[in-house]
Amino acid sequence: MVIGDPEAPAATAAGAPARLAARTRNLRKVYGRTVAVDHVDLDVPVGSVLGMLGPNGSGKTTTIRMLLGLVTPTAGAVELLGHQLPGGLGYALPEVGALVESPGFHPFLSGRENLMRCAAAEPHLATRDIARAVAAALERVGLAAAAGRRYRGYSLGMKQRLGLAAALLLPRKLVVLDEPTNGLDPAGTREVRAVIADLHASGTTVLVSSHLLTEVEATCTHVAVLHQGSVVAQGELTELLEAGDAGLLVATPDVTVAVNALRDNRVPARATPDGVHVDLTATTAPEVVATLVRADVAVHEVRRQRTGLEDLFARLTEAESTEARLSDVDHRELLAEESR
């Protein structure tokens, strides 16, 4: 059962806005004997761009659906823009734009006509502003030239763009994008990255589910990693990457002298193509530099060596194979689609 007042929005201290745009506590979803999401505590800070990562079947989309009120949790609490769900959905959803999985539109209507219908359902969009908002959204996602074509003739990438346009019809407090670059070519992917950057610059909170680690690393300020239905790590991206490898990279022409000097002082070090890698587990960066200076080593540059997001993701999820596999939940959802 979801905790919350079914009638009113959640109160905040002294009327101040909630610090988190969305959060879950002990969130759990079970399909029969399959646990899709298991006691997930997720925090989405206001103004952040949070990338939700995880292998197939890790619970990303199910968690997003529960955040948006599309799926009822088996247990746990969901708060969206300061409102407890499900009672606060009517307060929160008008402030949320979302693209979840494959967008669904009327196949015999044009892209513009479909978007006009979406705009007419927006409670915060006046009738006189609908045409302008639709035109601006189509232009923003690069569909202005194809707006008059029927949706059934759209490519997968064009369908994704139209779904994104529907999420951006008017300014939002929170935008949720589930695999927004699915089906897009490199140019389209860059455009989506620019849209996310623009939303972030305007103060909008963005939650992005993606399997493209390079895109997440380029666009996100925060990361949440899901594995087997649970959150295995979350926080600021830079902090997670820096915590992954307590190392220092020293650029010097005296590589051999530097390595020997550090090892003589019981500091683990090894030569690399870029210089000297120093393990900071039992020392600090200033002590490393002081040791090298005393040994008359020419130090040209010193920088913290971070773990890449791909390495961090692999370590956290304990990936055993690079082959994509459908989970029990995926199979269940596919069977449900086929029976419709």
C-alpha atoms as a PDB file:
ATOM      1  CA  MET A   1       0.000   0.000   0.000  1.00  0.00           C
ATOM      2  CA  VAL A   2       1.307   3.474  -0.883  1.00  0.00           C
ATOM      3  CA  ILE A   3       1.653   5.858   2.021  1.00  0.00           C
ATOM      4  CA  GLY A   4       0.088   9.274   1.540  1.00  0.00           C
ATOM      5  CA  ASP A   5      -2.863  11.611   2.019  1.00  0.00           C
ATOM      6  CA  PRO A   6      -5.297  11.016  -0.840  1.00  0.00           C
ATOM      7  CA  GLU A   7      -6.723  14.501  -0.629  1.00  0.00           C
ATOM      8  CA  ALA A   8      -3.936  17.071  -0.283  1.00  0.00           C
ATOM      9  CA  PRO A   9      -0.326  17.717  -1.302  1.00  0.00           C
ATOM     10  CA  ALA A  10       2.452  16.812   1.098  1.00  0.00           C
ATOM     11  CA  ALA A  11       3.382  19.590   3.483  1.00  0.00           C
ATOM     12  CA  THR A  12       6.851  21.095   3.499  1.00  0.00           C
ATOM     13  CA  ALA A  13       8.577  23.029   6.254  1.00  0.00           C
ATOM     14  CA  ALA A  14       7.399  26.651   6.472  1.00  0.00           C
ATOM     15  CA  GLY A  15       5.771  26.329   3.052  1.00  0.00           C
ATOM     16  CA  ALA A  16       9.159  25.924   1.354  1.00  0.00           C
ATOM     17  CA  PRO A  17       9.360  23.859  -1.855  1.00  0.00           C
ATOM     18  CA  ALA A  18      10.493  20.269  -1.518  1.00  0.00           C
ATOM     19  CA  ARG A  19      14.247  19.727  -1.778  1.00  0.00           C
ATOM     20  CA  LEU A  20      13.683  16.651  -3.897  1.00  0.00           C
ATOM     21  CA  ALA A  21      11.747  16.697  -7.152  1.00  0.00           C
ATOM     22  CA  ALA A  22      10.913  13.016  -6.663  1.00  0.00           C
ATOM     23  CA  ARG A  23      11.695  10.308  -4.182  1.00  0.00           C
ATOM     24  CA  THR A  24      10.744   6.764  -3.292  1.00  0.00           C
ATOM     25  CA  ARG A  25      11.034   4.890  -0.039  1.00  0.00           C
ATOM     26  CA  ASN A  26      11.043   1.088   0.250  1.00  0.00           C
ATOM     27  CA  LEU A  27       9.447   0.927  -3.186  1.00  0.00           C
ATOM     28  CA  ARG A  28       8.582  -2.602  -4.244  1.00  0.00           C
ATOM     29  CA  LYS A  29       6.782  -4.119  -7.232  1.00  0.00           C
ATOM     30  CA  VAL A  30       6.026  -7.819  -7.631  1.00  0.00           C
ATOM     31  CA  TYR A  31       4.524  -9.517 -10.689  1.00  0.00           C
ATOM     32  CA  GLY A  32       3.401 -12.967  -9.546  1.00  0.00           C
ATOM     33  CA  ARG A  33       6.595 -14.565  -8.261  1.00  0.00           C
ATOM     34  CA  THR A  34       8.874 -12.090 -10.009  1.00  0.00           C
ATOM     35  CA  VAL A  35      10.263  -9.168  -7.993  1.00  0.00           C
ATOM     36  CA  ALA A  36      10.726  -6.335 -10.491  1.00  0.00           C
ATOM     37  CA  VAL A  37      11.651  -3.618  -7.969  1.00  0.00           C
ATOM     38  CA  ASP A  38      12.889  -4.413  -4.483  1.00  0.00           C
ATOM     39  CA  HIS A  39      12.899  -1.764  -1.698  1.00  0.00           C
ATOM     40  CA  VAL A  40      14.171   1.094  -3.883  1.00  0.00           C
ATOM     41  CA  ASP A  41      15.074   4.358  -2.141  1.00  0.00           C
ATOM     42  CA  LEU A  42      15.571   6.880  -4.946  1.00  0.00           C
ATOM     43  CA  ASP A  43      16.266  10.609  -4.551  1.00  0.00           C
ATOM     44  CA  VAL A  44      15.979  13.029  -7.491  1.00  0.00           C
ATOM     45  CA  PRO A  45      17.365  16.428  -6.366  1.00  0.00           C
ATOM     46  CA  VAL A  46      15.628  19.557  -7.610  1.00  0.00           C
ATOM     47  CA  GLY A  47      17.468  21.062 -10.592  1.00  0.00           C
ATOM     48  CA  SER A  48      19.543  17.944 -11.260  1.00  0.00           C
ATOM     49  CA  VAL A  49      19.880  15.820 -14.374  1.00  0.00           C
ATOM     50  CA  LEU A  50      19.749  12.307 -12.953  1.00  0.00           C
ATOM     51  CA  GLY A  51      20.725   9.389 -15.149  1.00  0.00           C
ATOM     52  CA  MET A  52      19.094   6.090 -14.222  1.00  0.00           C
ATOM     53  CA  LEU A  53      21.290   3.205 -15.343  1.00  0.00           C
ATOM     54  CA  GLY A  54      20.924  -0.539 -15.210  1.00  0.00           C
ATOM     55  CA  PRO A  55      21.011  -3.728 -17.290  1.00  0.00           C
ATOM     56  CA  ASN A  56      17.898  -5.039 -19.027  1.00  0.00           C
ATOM     57  CA  GLY A  57      15.364  -6.128 -16.416  1.00  0.00           C
ATOM     58  CA  SER A  58      16.960  -4.091 -13.617  1.00  0.00           C
ATOM     59  CA  GLY A  59      13.697  -2.267 -12.839  1.00  0.00           C
ATOM     60  CA  LYS A  60      14.342   1.132 -14.442  1.00  0.00           C
ATOM     61  CA  THR A  61      11.146   1.437 -16.454  1.00  0.00           C
ATOM     62  CA  THR A  62       9.008  -0.128 -13.726  1.00  0.00           C
ATOM     63  CA  THR A  63      10.379   2.425 -11.237  1.00  0.00           C
ATOM     64  CA  ILE A  64       9.630   5.277 -13.650  1.00  0.00           C
ATOM     65  CA  ARG A  65       6.083   3.996 -14.180  1.00  0.00           C
ATOM     66  CA  MET A  66       5.498   3.967 -10.417  1.00  0.00           C
ATOM     67  CA  LEU A  67       6.926   7.486 -10.103  1.00  0.00           C
ATOM     68  CA  LEU A  68       4.382   8.688 -12.672  1.00  0.00           C
ATOM     69  CA  GLY A  69       1.421   6.785 -11.246  1.00  0.00           C
ATOM     70  CA  LEU A  70       1.204   4.473 -14.268  1.00  0.00           C
ATOM     71  CA  VAL A  71       1.818   1.370 -12.152  1.00  0.00           C
ATOM     72  CA  THR A  72       0.618   0.784  -8.593  1.00  0.00           C
ATOM     73  CA  PRO A  73       3.425  -0.237  -6.228  1.00  0.00           C
ATOM     74  CA  THR A  74       3.108  -3.465  -4.279  1.00  0.00           C
ATOM     75  CA  ALA A  75       4.571  -1.610  -1.297  1.00  0.00           C
ATOM     76  CA  GLY A  76       6.407   1.593  -0.441  1.00  0.00           C
ATOM     77  CA  ALA A  77       5.950   5.346  -0.787  1.00  0.00           C
ATOM     78  CA  VAL A  78       6.271   7.662  -3.774  1.00  0.00           C
ATOM     79  CA  GLU A  79       6.550  11.453  -3.630  1.00  0.00           C
ATOM     80  CA  LEU A  80       6.419  13.550  -6.797  1.00  0.00           C
ATOM     81  CA  LEU A  81       7.117  17.307  -6.683  1.00  0.00           C
ATOM     82  CA  GLY A  82       6.270  17.363  -2.995  1.00  0.00           C
ATOM     83  CA  HIS A  83       2.998  15.431  -3.355  1.00  0.00           C
ATOM     84  CA  GLN A  84       2.390  11.964  -1.986  1.00  0.00           C
ATOM     85  CA  LEU A  85       1.018   9.488  -4.538  1.00  0.00           C
ATOM     86  CA  PRO A  86      -1.491   8.357  -5.536  1.00  0.00           C
ATOM     87  CA  GLY A  87      -3.564  11.101  -3.928  1.00  0.00           C
ATOM     88  CA  GLY A  88      -1.377  13.925  -5.230  1.00  0.00           C
ATOM     89  CA  LEU A  89      -1.262  12.858  -8.889  1.00  0.00           C
ATOM     90  CA  GLY A  90      -3.719  15.572  -9.924  1.00  0.00           C
ATOM     91  CA  TYR A  91      -1.461  18.219  -8.381  1.00  0.00           C
ATOM     92  CA  ALA A  92       1.868  16.886  -9.654  1.00  0.00           C
ATOM     93  CA  LEU A  93       1.331  15.493 -13.163  1.00  0.00           C
ATOM     94  CA  PRO A  94       0.484  18.806 -14.887  1.00  0.00           C
ATOM     95  CA  GLU A  95       4.001  19.936 -13.922  1.00  0.00           C
ATOM     96  CA  VAL A  96       5.629  16.791 -15.378  1.00  0.00           C
ATOM     97  CA  GLY A  97       6.545  16.025 -18.974  1.00  0.00           C
ATOM     98  CA  ALA A  98       7.290  12.392 -19.747  1.00  0.00           C
ATOM     99  CA  LEU A  99       8.394  10.108 -22.558  1.00  0.00           C
ATOM    100  CA  VAL A 100       8.113   6.511 -21.334  1.00  0.00           C
ATOM    101  CA  GLU A 101       9.168   3.695 -23.637  1.00  0.00           C
ATOM    102  CA  SER A 102       7.622   3.813 -27.157  1.00  0.00           C
ATOM    103  CA  PRO A 103       5.277   6.809 -27.551  1.00  0.00           C
ATOM    104  CA  GLY A 104       1.720   6.021 -28.670  1.00  0.00           C
ATOM    105  CA  PHE A 105      -0.107   8.269 -31.125  1.00  0.00           C
ATOM    106  CA  HIS A 106      -2.965   7.949 -33.623  1.00  0.00           C
ATOM    107  CA  PRO A 107      -1.444   6.413 -36.793  1.00  0.00           C
ATOM    108  CA  PHE A 108      -3.752   8.151 -39.294  1.00  0.00           C
ATOM    109  CA  LEU A 109      -3.241  11.642 -37.865  1.00  0.00           C
ATOM    110  CA  SER A 110      -0.281  13.816 -38.719  1.00  0.00           C
ATOM    111  CA  GLY A 111       2.410  14.643 -36.241  1.00  0.00           C
ATOM    112  CA  ARG A 112       0.984  18.129 -35.789  1.00  0.00           C
ATOM    113  CA  GLU A 113      -2.573  16.837 -35.331  1.00  0.00           C
ATOM    114  CA  ASN A 114      -1.440  14.328 -32.737  1.00  0.00           C
ATOM    115  CA  LEU A 115       0.428  17.015 -30.863  1.00  0.00           C
ATOM    116  CA  MET A 116      -2.601  19.343 -31.013  1.00  0.00           C
ATOM    117  CA  ARG A 117      -4.653  16.662 -29.269  1.00  0.00           C
ATOM    118  CA  CYS A 118      -1.990  16.315 -26.585  1.00  0.00           C
ATOM    119  CA  ALA A 119      -1.865  20.084 -26.118  1.00  0.00           C
ATOM    120  CA  ALA A 120      -5.658  20.292 -25.760  1.00  0.00           C
ATOM    121  CA  ALA A 121      -5.411  17.967 -22.745  1.00  0.00           C
ATOM    122  CA  GLU A 122      -2.845  20.161 -20.958  1.00  0.00           C
ATOM    123  CA  PRO A 123      -4.589  21.897 -18.016  1.00  0.00           C
ATOM    124  CA  HIS A 124      -1.976  24.674 -17.865  1.00  0.00           C
ATOM    125  CA  LEU A 125      -2.090  25.504 -21.585  1.00  0.00           C
ATOM    126  CA  ALA A 126      -4.690  28.045 -22.715  1.00  0.00           C
ATOM    127  CA  THR A 127      -6.605  27.286 -25.920  1.00  0.00           C
ATOM    128  CA  ARG A 128      -5.305  30.431 -27.599  1.00  0.00           C
ATOM    129  CA  ASP A 129      -1.710  29.279 -26.980  1.00  0.00           C
ATOM    130  CA  ILE A 130      -2.035  25.721 -28.311  1.00  0.00           C
ATOM    131  CA  ALA A 131      -1.004  26.361 -31.921  1.00  0.00           C
ATOM    132  CA  ARG A 132       2.028  28.379 -30.846  1.00  0.00           C
ATOM    133  CA  ALA A 133       3.111  25.766 -28.281  1.00  0.00           C
ATOM    134  CA  VAL A 134       2.770  22.932 -30.820  1.00  0.00           C
ATOM    135  CA  ALA A 135       4.791  24.797 -33.450  1.00  0.00           C
ATOM    136  CA  ALA A 136       7.529  25.594 -30.935  1.00  0.00           C
ATOM    137  CA  ALA A 137       7.732  21.989 -29.702  1.00  0.00           C
ATOM    138  CA  LEU A 138       7.926  20.594 -33.255  1.00  0.00           C
ATOM    139  CA  GLU A 139      10.691  23.043 -34.112  1.00  0.00           C
ATOM    140  CA  ARG A 140      12.569  22.223 -30.923  1.00  0.00           C
ATOM    141  CA  VAL A 141      12.799  18.506 -31.749  1.00  0.00           C
ATOM    142  CA  GLY A 142      13.460  18.976 -35.472  1.00  0.00           C
ATOM    143  CA  LEU A 143      10.058  17.800 -36.761  1.00  0.00           C
ATOM    144  CA  ALA A 144       8.726  21.043 -38.217  1.00  0.00           C
ATOM    145  CA  ALA A 145       9.304  19.909 -41.812  1.00  0.00           C
ATOM    146  CA  ALA A 146       7.555  16.548 -41.225  1.00  0.00           C
ATOM    147  CA  ALA A 147       4.703  17.875 -39.064  1.00  0.00           C
ATOM    148  CA  GLY A 148       2.127  17.333 -41.807  1.00  0.00           C
ATOM    149  CA  ARG A 149       2.991  13.689 -42.449  1.00  0.00           C
ATOM    150  CA  ARG A 150       0.881  10.892 -40.992  1.00  0.00           C
ATOM    151  CA  TYR A 151       2.303   9.286 -37.871  1.00  0.00           C
ATOM    152  CA  ARG A 152       2.155   5.800 -39.395  1.00  0.00           C
ATOM    153  CA  GLY A 153       4.759   6.916 -41.940  1.00  0.00           C
ATOM    154  CA  TYR A 154       7.211   8.119 -39.287  1.00  0.00           C
ATOM    155  CA  SER A 155      10.460   6.285 -38.664  1.00  0.00           C
ATOM    156  CA  LEU A 156      11.311   5.067 -35.151  1.00  0.00           C
ATOM    157  CA  GLY A 157      13.489   8.112 -34.593  1.00  0.00           C
ATOM    158  CA  MET A 158      10.726  10.487 -35.742  1.00  0.00           C
ATOM    159  CA  LYS A 159       8.268   8.799 -33.381  1.00  0.00           C
ATOM    160  CA  GLN A 160      10.715   9.344 -30.531  1.00  0.00           C
ATOM    161  CA  ARG A 161      11.032  12.999 -31.489  1.00  0.00           C
ATOM    162  CA  LEU A 162       7.246  13.450 -31.462  1.00  0.00           C
ATOM    163  CA  GLY A 163       7.043  11.837 -28.025  1.00  0.00           C
ATOM    164  CA  LEU A 164       9.720  14.223 -26.809  1.00  0.00           C
ATOM    165  CA  ALA A 165       7.811  17.162 -28.311  1.00  0.00           C
ATOM    166  CA  ALA A 166       4.703  16.130 -26.354  1.00  0.00           C
ATOM    167  CA  ALA A 167       6.755  16.210 -23.135  1.00  0.00           C
ATOM    168  CA  LEU A 168       8.019  19.715 -23.958  1.00  0.00           C
ATOM    169  CA  LEU A 169       4.768  21.447 -24.930  1.00  0.00           C
ATOM    170  CA  LEU A 170       5.121  23.867 -22.022  1.00  0.00           C
ATOM    171  CA  PRO A 171       7.627  24.586 -19.250  1.00  0.00           C
ATOM    172  CA  ARG A 172       7.824  21.739 -16.726  1.00  0.00           C
ATOM    173  CA  LYS A 173       9.237  21.354 -13.239  1.00  0.00           C
ATOM    174  CA  LEU A 174      10.228  17.768 -14.010  1.00  0.00           C
ATOM    175  CA  VAL A 175      10.885  16.008 -17.321  1.00  0.00           C
ATOM    176  CA  VAL A 176      11.166  12.198 -17.350  1.00  0.00           C
ATOM    177  CA  LEU A 177      12.766  10.604 -20.417  1.00  0.00           C
ATOM    178  CA  ASP A 178      12.923   6.822 -20.771  1.00  0.00           C
ATOM    179  CA  GLU A 179      15.542   5.949 -23.428  1.00  0.00           C
ATOM    180  CA  PRO A 180      14.980   9.246 -25.305  1.00  0.00           C
ATOM    181  CA  THR A 181      17.647   8.539 -27.961  1.00  0.00           C
ATOM    182  CA  ASN A 182      16.175   5.173 -28.973  1.00  0.00           C
ATOM    183  CA  GLY A 183      16.162   5.000 -32.786  1.00  0.00           C
ATOM    184  CA  LEU A 184      17.927   8.318 -33.266  1.00  0.00           C
ATOM    185  CA  ASP A 185      20.957   8.826 -35.486  1.00  0.00           C
ATOM    186  CA  PRO A 186      24.078  10.578 -34.095  1.00  0.00           C
ATOM    187  CA  ALA A 187      22.741  13.996 -35.102  1.00  0.00           C
ATOM    188  CA  GLY A 188      19.441  13.310 -33.321  1.00  0.00           C
ATOM    189  CA  THR A 189      21.301  12.102 -30.245  1.00  0.00           C
ATOM    190  CA  ARG A 190      23.259  15.363 -30.144  1.00  0.00           C
ATOM    191  CA  GLU A 191      19.994  17.307 -30.422  1.00  0.00           C
ATOM    192  CA  VAL A 192      18.513  15.434 -27.468  1.00  0.00           C
ATOM    193  CA  ARG A 193      21.677  16.173 -25.494  1.00  0.00           C
ATOM    194  CA  ALA A 194      21.228  19.867 -26.316  1.00  0.00           C
ATOM    195  CA  VAL A 195      17.573  19.764 -25.213  1.00  0.00           C
ATOM    196  CA  ILE A 196      18.565  18.193 -21.878  1.00  0.00           C
ATOM    197  CA  ALA A 197      21.276  20.831 -21.383  1.00  0.00           C
ATOM    198  CA  ASP A 198      18.744  23.573 -22.147  1.00  0.00           C
ATOM    199  CA  LEU A 199      16.259  22.129 -19.650  1.00  0.00           C
ATOM    200  CA  HIS A 200      18.970  21.930 -16.996  1.00  0.00           C
ATOM    201  CA  ALA A 201      20.041  25.531 -17.652  1.00  0.00           C
ATOM    202  CA  SER A 202      16.450  26.695 -17.188  1.00  0.00           C
ATOM    203  CA  GLY A 203      16.230  24.983 -13.784  1.00  0.00           C
ATOM    204  CA  THR A 204      14.095  22.022 -14.850  1.00  0.00           C
ATOM    205  CA  THR A 205      14.789  18.716 -13.138  1.00  0.00           C
ATOM    206  CA  VAL A 206      15.429  15.908 -15.631  1.00  0.00           C
ATOM    207  CA  LEU A 207      15.289  12.154 -15.007  1.00  0.00           C
ATOM    208  CA  VAL A 208      16.827  10.165 -17.858  1.00  0.00           C
ATOM    209  CA  SER A 209      16.858   6.397 -18.250  1.00  0.00           C
ATOM    210  CA  SER A 210      19.514   5.350 -20.727  1.00  0.00           C
ATOM    211  CA  HIS A 211      21.875   2.554 -21.688  1.00  0.00           C
ATOM    212  CA  LEU A 212      24.249   4.965 -23.458  1.00  0.00           C
ATOM    213  CA  LEU A 213      26.863   5.535 -20.767  1.00  0.00           C
ATOM    214  CA  THR A 214      28.761   8.145 -22.766  1.00  0.00           C
ATOM    215  CA  GLU A 215      25.593  10.227 -23.097  1.00  0.00           C
ATOM    216  CA  VAL A 216      24.872   9.959 -19.375  1.00  0.00           C
ATOM    217  CA  GLU A 217      28.420  10.987 -18.522  1.00  0.00           C
ATOM    218  CA  ALA A 218      28.145  13.962 -20.880  1.00  0.00           C
ATOM    219  CA  THR A 219      24.735  15.235 -19.754  1.00  0.00           C
ATOM    220  CA  CYS A 220      23.972  14.115 -16.189  1.00  0.00           C
ATOM    221  CA  THR A 221      24.874  15.693 -12.861  1.00  0.00           C
ATOM    222  CA  HIS A 222      23.668  12.725 -10.781  1.00  0.00           C
ATOM    223  CA  VAL A 223      23.432   8.980 -11.340  1.00  0.00           C
ATOM    224  CA  ALA A 224      21.400   6.128  -9.876  1.00  0.00           C
ATOM    225  CA  VAL A 225      22.492   2.582 -10.763  1.00  0.00           C
ATOM    226  CA  LEU A 226      19.896  -0.195 -10.535  1.00  0.00           C
ATOM    227  CA  HIS A 227      20.693  -3.905 -10.540  1.00  0.00           C
ATOM    228  CA  GLN A 228      18.260  -6.765 -10.065  1.00  0.00           C
ATOM    229  CA  GLY A 229      15.534  -4.374  -8.947  1.00  0.00           C
ATOM    230  CA  SER A 230      17.590  -2.509  -6.323  1.00  0.00           C
ATOM    231  CA  VAL A 231      19.602   0.721  -6.237  1.00  0.00           C
ATOM    232  CA  VAL A 232      23.261  -0.251  -5.827  1.00  0.00           C
ATOM    233  CA  ALA A 233      24.640   3.310  -5.978  1.00  0.00           C
ATOM    234  CA  GLN A 234      23.399   6.867  -6.359  1.00  0.00           C
ATOM    235  CA  GLY A 235      24.740  10.378  -5.920  1.00  0.00           C
ATOM    236  CA  GLU A 236      26.594  13.113  -7.749  1.00  0.00           C
ATOM    237  CA  LEU A 237      28.314  11.755 -10.830  1.00  0.00           C
ATOM    238  CA  THR A 238      31.676  13.403 -10.136  1.00  0.00           C
ATOM    239  CA  GLU A 239      31.781  12.064  -6.572  1.00  0.00           C
ATOM    240  CA  LEU A 240      30.925   8.525  -7.666  1.00  0.00           C
ATOM    241  CA  LEU A 241      33.611   8.567 -10.337  1.00  0.00           C
ATOM    242  CA  GLU A 242      36.257   9.964  -8.012  1.00  0.00           C
ATOM    243  CA  ALA A 243      35.393   7.440  -5.319  1.00  0.00           C
ATOM    244  CA  GLY A 244      35.877   4.607  -7.774  1.00  0.00           C
ATOM    245  CA  ASP A 245      39.661   4.945  -8.013  1.00  0.00           C
ATOM    246  CA  ALA A 246      41.847   6.644  -5.401  1.00  0.00           C
ATOM    247  CA  GLY A 247      44.595   7.360  -7.897  1.00  0.00           C
ATOM    248  CA  LEU A 248      46.829  10.160  -9.089  1.00  0.00           C
ATOM    249  CA  LEU A 249      48.405  10.574 -12.503  1.00  0.00           C
ATOM    250  CA  VAL A 250      51.768  12.363 -12.558  1.00  0.00           C
ATOM    251  CA  ALA A 251      53.153  13.652 -15.857  1.00  0.00           C
ATOM    252  CA  THR A 252      56.956  13.686 -15.725  1.00  0.00           C
ATOM    253  CA  PRO A 253      59.909  12.974 -18.032  1.00  0.00           C
ATOM    254  CA  ASP A 254      61.612  11.170 -15.116  1.00  0.00           C
ATOM    255  CA  VAL A 255      59.253   8.203 -14.940  1.00  0.00           C
ATOM    256  CA  THR A 256      61.738   5.633 -13.626  1.00  0.00           C
ATOM    257  CA  VAL A 257      63.176   7.988 -11.007  1.00  0.00           C
ATOM    258  CA  ALA A 258      59.668   8.967  -9.895  1.00  0.00           C
ATOM    259  CA  VAL A 259      58.479   5.372  -9.524  1.00  0.00           C
ATOM    260  CA  ASN A 260      61.592   4.393  -7.541  1.00  0.00           C
ATOM    261  CA  ALA A 261      61.338   7.450  -5.282  1.00  0.00           C
ATOM    262  CA  LEU A 262      57.714   6.737  -4.447  1.00  0.00           C
ATOM    263  CA  ARG A 263      58.298   3.033  -3.856  1.00  0.00           C
ATOM    264  CA  ASP A 264      61.241   3.867  -1.575  1.00  0.00           C
ATOM    265  CA  ASN A 265      58.735   5.828   0.519  1.00  0.00           C
ATOM    266  CA  ARG A 266      56.275   2.908   0.524  1.00  0.00           C
ATOM    267  CA  VAL A 267      53.880   4.584  -1.919  1.00  0.00           C
ATOM    268  CA  PRO A 268      52.569   2.164  -4.569  1.00  0.00           C
ATOM    269  CA  ALA A 269      53.322   3.517  -8.054  1.00  0.00           C
ATOM    270  CA  ARG A 270      53.691   2.192 -11.578  1.00  0.00           C
ATOM    271  CA  ALA A 271      54.718   3.513 -14.956  1.00  0.00           C
ATOM    272  CA  THR A 272      51.968   4.134 -17.549  1.00  0.00           C
ATOM    273  CA  PRO A 273      52.017   5.490 -21.122  1.00  0.00           C
ATOM    274  CA  ASP A 274      50.873   8.865 -19.713  1.00  0.00           C
ATOM    275  CA  GLY A 275      53.342   9.081 -16.827  1.00  0.00           C
ATOM    276  CA  VAL A 276      53.150   7.578 -13.338  1.00  0.00           C
ATOM    277  CA  HIS A 277      50.024   6.194 -11.681  1.00  0.00           C
ATOM    278  CA  VAL A 278      50.108   6.594  -7.894  1.00  0.00           C
ATOM    279  CA  ASP A 279      47.834   4.757  -5.459  1.00  0.00           C
ATOM    280  CA  LEU A 280      46.441   7.249  -2.915  1.00  0.00           C
ATOM    281  CA  THR A 281      44.973   4.649  -0.567  1.00  0.00           C
ATOM    282  CA  ALA A 282      47.610   5.280   2.129  1.00  0.00           C
ATOM    283  CA  THR A 283      48.797   8.776   1.208  1.00  0.00           C
ATOM    284  CA  THR A 284      47.666  12.158  -0.153  1.00  0.00           C
ATOM    285  CA  ALA A 285      48.352  14.151  -3.296  1.00  0.00           C
ATOM    286  CA  PRO A 286      50.434  16.848  -1.481  1.00  0.00           C
ATOM    287  CA  GLU A 287      52.625  14.142   0.101  1.00  0.00           C
ATOM    288  CA  VAL A 288      53.204  12.547  -3.304  1.00  0.00           C
ATOM    289  CA  VAL A 289      54.282  15.867  -4.821  1.00  0.00           C
ATOM    290  CA  ALA A 290      56.553  16.630  -1.850  1.00  0.00           C
ATOM    291  CA  THR A 291      58.208  13.210  -2.183  1.00  0.00           C
ATOM    292  CA  LEU A 292      58.882  13.749  -5.880  1.00  0.00           C
ATOM    293  CA  VAL A 293      60.248  17.266  -5.358  1.00  0.00           C
ATOM    294  CA  ARG A 294      62.650  16.003  -2.689  1.00  0.00           C
ATOM    295  CA  ALA A 295      63.866  13.406  -5.202  1.00  0.00           C
ATOM    296  CA  ASP A 296      64.495  16.154  -7.796  1.00  0.00           C
ATOM    297  CA  VAL A 297      61.806  14.765 -10.115  1.00  0.00           C
ATOM    298  CA  ALA A 298      60.493  17.231 -12.696  1.00  0.00           C
ATOM    299  CA  VAL A 299      56.723  17.299 -12.154  1.00  0.00           C
ATOM    300  CA  HIS A 300      54.889  18.756 -15.165  1.00  0.00           C
ATOM    301  CA  GLU A 301      51.308  17.953 -14.173  1.00  0.00           C
ATOM    302  CA  VAL A 302      49.375  16.196 -11.411  1.00  0.00           C
ATOM    303  CA  ARG A 303      45.722  15.262 -11.739  1.00  0.00           C
ATOM    304  CA  ARG A 304      43.244  12.957 -10.048  1.00  0.00           C
ATOM    305  CA  GLN A 305      42.614   9.855 -12.116  1.00  0.00           C
ATOM    306  CA  ARG A 306      38.920   9.010 -12.253  1.00  0.00           C
ATOM    307  CA  THR A 307      37.179   5.793 -13.062  1.00  0.00           C
ATOM    308  CA  GLY A 308      35.164   5.982 -16.270  1.00  0.00           C
ATOM    309  CA  LEU A 309      31.411   5.526 -15.978  1.00  0.00           C
ATOM    310  CA  GLU A 310      31.587   2.327 -18.011  1.00  0.00           C
ATOM    311  CA  ASP A 311      34.066   0.768 -15.560  1.00  0.00           C
ATOM    312  CA  LEU A 312      32.053   1.967 -12.562  1.00  0.00           C
ATOM    313  CA  PHE A 313      28.818   0.622 -14.031  1.00  0.00           C
ATOM    314  CA  ALA A 314      30.355  -2.769 -14.804  1.00  0.00           C
ATOM    315  CA  ARG A 315      31.779  -3.086 -11.305  1.00  0.00           C
ATOM    316  CA  LEU A 316      28.536  -2.089  -9.583  1.00  0.00           C
ATOM    317  CA  THR A 317      26.314  -4.383 -11.584  1.00  0.00           C
ATOM    318  CA  GLU A 318      28.813  -7.255 -11.582  1.00  0.00           C
ATOM    319  CA  ALA A 319      28.128  -7.855 -15.251  1.00  0.00           C
ATOM    320  CA  GLU A 320      28.857 -11.463 -16.252  1.00  0.00           C
ATOM    321  CA  SER A 321      27.999 -11.126 -19.928  1.00  0.00           C
ATOM    322  CA  THR A 322      27.579  -8.451 -22.578  1.00  0.00           C
ATOM    323  CA  GLU A 323      24.664 -10.322 -24.146  1.00  0.00           C
ATOM    324  CA  ALA A 324      21.271  -8.635 -23.761  1.00  0.00           C
ATOM    325  CA  ARG A 325      18.743 -10.873 -22.015  1.00  0.00           C
ATOM    326  CA  LEU A 326      15.018 -10.448 -21.410  1.00  0.00           C
ATOM    327  CA  SER A 327      14.007 -10.681 -17.760  1.00  0.00           C
ATOM    328  CA  ASP A 328      10.877 -12.430 -16.526  1.00  0.00           C
ATOM    329  CA  VAL A 329       9.255  -9.000 -16.262  1.00  0.00           C
ATOM    330  CA  ASP A 330      10.163  -8.188 -19.875  1.00  0.00           C
ATOM    331  CA  HIS A 331       8.633 -11.475 -21.064  1.00  0.00           C
ATOM    332  CA  ARG A 332       5.500 -10.829 -19.023  1.00  0.00           C
ATOM    333  CA  GLU A 333       5.095  -7.335 -20.507  1.00  0.00           C
ATOM    334  CA  LEU A 334       5.694  -8.591 -24.061  1.00  0.00           C
ATOM    335  CA  LEU A 335       3.044 -11.281 -23.629  1.00  0.00           C
ATOM    336  CA  ALA A 336       0.627  -8.653 -22.339  1.00  0.00           C
ATOM    337  CA  GLU A 337       1.303  -6.493 -25.415  1.00  0.00           C
ATOM    338  CA  GLU A 338       0.751  -9.428 -27.775  1.00  0.00           C
ATOM    339  CA  SER A 339      -2.587 -10.313 -26.159  1.00  0.00           C
ATOM    340  CA  ARG A 340      -4.014  -6.813 -26.686  1.00  0.00           C
END
